[in-house]
N, C-alpha and C. Protein backbone atom coordinates (compact mmCIF):
# COMPACT_ATOMS: atom_id res chain seq x y z
N UNK A 1 -7.03 19.68 3.38
CA UNK A 1 -8.27 19.60 2.61
C UNK A 1 -9.37 20.25 3.43
N UNK A 2 -9.98 21.27 2.87
CA UNK A 2 -11.09 21.94 3.55
C UNK A 2 -12.37 21.68 2.78
N UNK A 3 -13.46 21.71 3.51
CA UNK A 3 -14.76 21.38 2.91
C UNK A 3 -15.20 22.35 1.81
N UNK A 4 -14.73 23.60 1.88
CA UNK A 4 -15.15 24.58 0.88
C UNK A 4 -14.12 24.78 -0.23
N UNK A 5 -13.07 23.98 -0.23
CA UNK A 5 -12.06 24.03 -1.29
C UNK A 5 -12.74 23.68 -2.62
N UNK A 6 -12.50 24.46 -3.66
CA UNK A 6 -13.17 24.20 -4.95
C UNK A 6 -12.93 22.80 -5.49
N UNK A 7 -11.76 22.24 -5.23
CA UNK A 7 -11.48 20.88 -5.72
C UNK A 7 -12.28 19.85 -4.94
N UNK A 8 -12.47 20.08 -3.64
CA UNK A 8 -13.27 19.18 -2.81
C UNK A 8 -14.73 19.26 -3.25
N UNK A 9 -15.23 20.47 -3.42
CA UNK A 9 -16.62 20.67 -3.84
C UNK A 9 -16.85 20.02 -5.21
N UNK A 10 -15.94 20.24 -6.14
CA UNK A 10 -16.07 19.66 -7.48
C UNK A 10 -16.02 18.14 -7.42
N UNK A 11 -15.13 17.60 -6.60
CA UNK A 11 -15.05 16.15 -6.47
C UNK A 11 -16.33 15.55 -5.94
N UNK A 12 -16.90 16.20 -4.92
CA UNK A 12 -18.15 15.72 -4.35
C UNK A 12 -19.28 15.77 -5.38
N UNK A 13 -19.36 16.89 -6.09
CA UNK A 13 -20.41 17.04 -7.11
C UNK A 13 -20.27 16.00 -8.21
N UNK A 14 -19.05 15.82 -8.71
CA UNK A 14 -18.84 14.82 -9.76
C UNK A 14 -19.11 13.42 -9.24
N UNK A 15 -18.73 13.16 -8.00
CA UNK A 15 -18.99 11.86 -7.41
C UNK A 15 -20.48 11.56 -7.33
N UNK A 16 -21.26 12.57 -6.92
CA UNK A 16 -22.71 12.39 -6.85
C UNK A 16 -23.31 12.12 -8.22
N UNK A 17 -22.84 12.84 -9.23
CA UNK A 17 -23.35 12.67 -10.59
C UNK A 17 -23.00 11.27 -11.12
N UNK A 18 -21.76 10.88 -10.94
CA UNK A 18 -21.32 9.56 -11.41
C UNK A 18 -22.10 8.46 -10.70
N UNK A 19 -22.23 8.58 -9.39
CA UNK A 19 -22.94 7.56 -8.62
C UNK A 19 -24.40 7.47 -9.05
N UNK A 20 -25.05 8.60 -9.25
CA UNK A 20 -26.46 8.58 -9.67
C UNK A 20 -26.61 7.87 -11.01
N UNK A 21 -25.71 8.15 -11.93
CA UNK A 21 -25.75 7.49 -13.24
C UNK A 21 -25.57 5.98 -13.08
N UNK A 22 -24.56 5.59 -12.33
CA UNK A 22 -24.28 4.16 -12.17
C UNK A 22 -25.40 3.44 -11.45
N UNK A 23 -25.95 4.06 -10.43
CA UNK A 23 -27.06 3.45 -9.70
C UNK A 23 -28.26 3.28 -10.63
N UNK A 24 -28.53 4.28 -11.43
CA UNK A 24 -29.62 4.17 -12.40
C UNK A 24 -29.42 2.99 -13.34
N UNK A 25 -28.20 2.82 -13.82
CA UNK A 25 -27.90 1.69 -14.72
C UNK A 25 -28.01 0.36 -13.99
N UNK A 26 -27.60 0.31 -12.73
CA UNK A 26 -27.70 -0.93 -11.97
C UNK A 26 -29.16 -1.27 -11.69
N UNK A 27 -29.97 -0.25 -11.39
CA UNK A 27 -31.40 -0.48 -11.16
C UNK A 27 -32.06 -1.05 -12.41
N UNK A 28 -31.62 -0.61 -13.57
CA UNK A 28 -32.17 -1.10 -14.84
C UNK A 28 -31.65 -2.48 -15.19
N UNK A 29 -30.70 -2.98 -14.43
CA UNK A 29 -30.11 -4.29 -14.71
C UNK A 29 -29.11 -4.26 -15.86
N UNK A 30 -28.65 -3.09 -16.22
CA UNK A 30 -27.74 -2.95 -17.35
C UNK A 30 -26.28 -2.87 -16.93
N UNK A 31 -26.04 -2.92 -15.62
CA UNK A 31 -24.69 -2.76 -15.11
C UNK A 31 -24.58 -3.49 -13.77
N UNK A 32 -23.53 -4.26 -13.61
CA UNK A 32 -23.28 -4.92 -12.32
C UNK A 32 -22.42 -4.01 -11.46
N UNK A 33 -22.39 -4.23 -10.15
CA UNK A 33 -21.51 -3.43 -9.30
C UNK A 33 -20.05 -3.50 -9.75
N UNK A 34 -19.59 -4.66 -10.18
CA UNK A 34 -18.21 -4.79 -10.64
C UNK A 34 -17.96 -3.94 -11.89
N UNK A 35 -18.91 -3.92 -12.79
CA UNK A 35 -18.78 -3.08 -13.99
C UNK A 35 -18.78 -1.60 -13.60
N UNK A 36 -19.58 -1.25 -12.61
CA UNK A 36 -19.63 0.13 -12.14
C UNK A 36 -18.27 0.57 -11.62
N UNK A 37 -17.61 -0.31 -10.88
CA UNK A 37 -16.27 0.00 -10.35
C UNK A 37 -15.31 0.28 -11.50
N UNK A 38 -15.35 -0.53 -12.53
CA UNK A 38 -14.46 -0.34 -13.67
C UNK A 38 -14.72 0.99 -14.38
N UNK A 39 -15.97 1.36 -14.51
CA UNK A 39 -16.33 2.62 -15.15
C UNK A 39 -15.81 3.79 -14.32
N UNK A 40 -16.04 3.72 -13.01
CA UNK A 40 -15.58 4.80 -12.13
C UNK A 40 -14.06 4.92 -12.19
N UNK A 41 -13.37 3.81 -12.13
CA UNK A 41 -11.90 3.84 -12.16
C UNK A 41 -11.39 4.49 -13.44
N UNK A 42 -11.97 4.14 -14.56
CA UNK A 42 -11.55 4.72 -15.84
C UNK A 42 -11.84 6.22 -15.88
N UNK A 43 -13.00 6.61 -15.41
CA UNK A 43 -13.38 8.03 -15.40
C UNK A 43 -12.45 8.83 -14.50
N UNK A 44 -12.16 8.30 -13.33
CA UNK A 44 -11.30 9.01 -12.39
C UNK A 44 -9.89 9.15 -12.97
N UNK A 45 -9.38 8.10 -13.53
CA UNK A 45 -8.03 8.15 -14.10
C UNK A 45 -7.95 9.20 -15.20
N UNK A 46 -8.92 9.19 -16.09
CA UNK A 46 -8.92 10.14 -17.21
C UNK A 46 -9.02 11.58 -16.71
N UNK A 47 -9.91 11.82 -15.76
CA UNK A 47 -10.10 13.18 -15.25
C UNK A 47 -8.85 13.65 -14.50
N UNK A 48 -8.25 12.79 -13.70
CA UNK A 48 -7.05 13.17 -12.96
C UNK A 48 -5.91 13.53 -13.91
N UNK A 49 -5.75 12.74 -14.95
CA UNK A 49 -4.71 13.04 -15.95
C UNK A 49 -4.97 14.39 -16.62
N UNK A 50 -6.21 14.67 -16.92
CA UNK A 50 -6.57 15.95 -17.54
C UNK A 50 -6.28 17.12 -16.59
N UNK A 51 -6.57 16.91 -15.32
CA UNK A 51 -6.32 17.97 -14.34
C UNK A 51 -4.83 18.28 -14.22
N UNK A 52 -4.01 17.24 -14.19
CA UNK A 52 -2.57 17.43 -14.10
C UNK A 52 -2.06 18.13 -15.36
N UNK A 53 -2.53 17.69 -16.51
CA UNK A 53 -2.12 18.30 -17.78
C UNK A 53 -2.52 19.77 -17.85
N UNK A 54 -3.62 20.12 -17.19
CA UNK A 54 -4.09 21.51 -17.20
C UNK A 54 -3.36 22.37 -16.16
N UNK A 55 -2.49 21.76 -15.37
CA UNK A 55 -1.69 22.54 -14.43
C UNK A 55 -2.12 22.47 -12.98
N UNK A 56 -3.07 21.61 -12.65
CA UNK A 56 -3.47 21.47 -11.25
C UNK A 56 -2.32 20.89 -10.44
N UNK A 57 -2.23 21.32 -9.21
CA UNK A 57 -1.20 20.82 -8.30
C UNK A 57 -1.57 19.41 -7.84
N UNK A 58 -0.60 18.59 -7.57
CA UNK A 58 -0.89 17.22 -7.11
C UNK A 58 -1.80 17.18 -5.88
N UNK A 59 -1.61 18.09 -4.93
CA UNK A 59 -2.47 18.08 -3.74
C UNK A 59 -3.91 18.46 -4.09
N UNK A 60 -4.10 19.30 -5.10
CA UNK A 60 -5.45 19.66 -5.53
C UNK A 60 -6.14 18.44 -6.16
N UNK A 61 -5.40 17.73 -6.98
CA UNK A 61 -5.95 16.52 -7.60
C UNK A 61 -6.27 15.49 -6.53
N UNK A 62 -5.40 15.36 -5.54
CA UNK A 62 -5.64 14.42 -4.45
C UNK A 62 -6.89 14.79 -3.65
N UNK A 63 -7.09 16.08 -3.37
CA UNK A 63 -8.28 16.52 -2.66
C UNK A 63 -9.54 16.22 -3.48
N UNK A 64 -9.49 16.48 -4.78
CA UNK A 64 -10.61 16.19 -5.67
C UNK A 64 -10.90 14.70 -5.66
N UNK A 65 -9.85 13.91 -5.79
CA UNK A 65 -10.00 12.46 -5.84
C UNK A 65 -10.59 11.90 -4.55
N UNK A 66 -10.13 12.38 -3.43
CA UNK A 66 -10.64 11.92 -2.14
C UNK A 66 -12.13 12.23 -2.00
N UNK A 67 -12.52 13.45 -2.33
CA UNK A 67 -13.93 13.85 -2.23
C UNK A 67 -14.80 13.06 -3.20
N UNK A 68 -14.31 12.85 -4.41
CA UNK A 68 -15.07 12.08 -5.41
C UNK A 68 -15.25 10.64 -4.94
N UNK A 69 -14.17 10.05 -4.47
CA UNK A 69 -14.22 8.66 -4.01
C UNK A 69 -15.21 8.51 -2.85
N UNK A 70 -15.18 9.44 -1.91
CA UNK A 70 -16.10 9.37 -0.77
C UNK A 70 -17.55 9.49 -1.22
N UNK A 71 -17.83 10.40 -2.15
CA UNK A 71 -19.20 10.58 -2.63
C UNK A 71 -19.70 9.34 -3.36
N UNK A 72 -18.90 8.82 -4.27
CA UNK A 72 -19.31 7.63 -5.02
C UNK A 72 -19.48 6.44 -4.07
N UNK A 73 -18.53 6.25 -3.21
CA UNK A 73 -18.56 5.12 -2.28
C UNK A 73 -19.79 5.16 -1.38
N UNK A 74 -20.06 6.32 -0.82
CA UNK A 74 -21.22 6.46 0.07
C UNK A 74 -22.53 6.14 -0.64
N UNK A 75 -22.70 6.69 -1.82
CA UNK A 75 -23.96 6.48 -2.55
C UNK A 75 -24.11 5.05 -3.04
N UNK A 76 -23.04 4.47 -3.57
CA UNK A 76 -23.12 3.09 -4.10
C UNK A 76 -23.32 2.11 -2.95
N UNK A 77 -22.63 2.32 -1.84
CA UNK A 77 -22.79 1.42 -0.68
C UNK A 77 -24.23 1.49 -0.17
N UNK A 78 -24.79 2.66 -0.08
CA UNK A 78 -26.17 2.80 0.38
C UNK A 78 -27.12 2.07 -0.55
N UNK A 79 -26.87 2.16 -1.85
CA UNK A 79 -27.72 1.48 -2.83
C UNK A 79 -27.58 -0.03 -2.71
N UNK A 80 -26.36 -0.54 -2.64
CA UNK A 80 -26.17 -1.99 -2.62
C UNK A 80 -26.60 -2.63 -1.31
N UNK A 81 -26.63 -1.85 -0.23
CA UNK A 81 -27.06 -2.37 1.06
C UNK A 81 -28.57 -2.40 1.18
N UNK A 82 -29.27 -1.65 0.35
CA UNK A 82 -30.73 -1.61 0.46
C UNK A 82 -31.40 -2.72 -0.31
């Protein structure tokens, strides 16, 4: 996994977008952290299945997933710790 790999970059970008949305909803009191986890899990599962169906290699999906998970985790943890 390299930092400039398109799957890593896409995972990070999607992770940031998802985290920003979830944090916004949590700030509004419309979503609990537990609900946010469920939303992220469903989104990740659906996107990974779509990537495999479109012909992505398993290692590419894994790289995307790792980058996405790191981005979401970092942002949500920073929010919940503040």
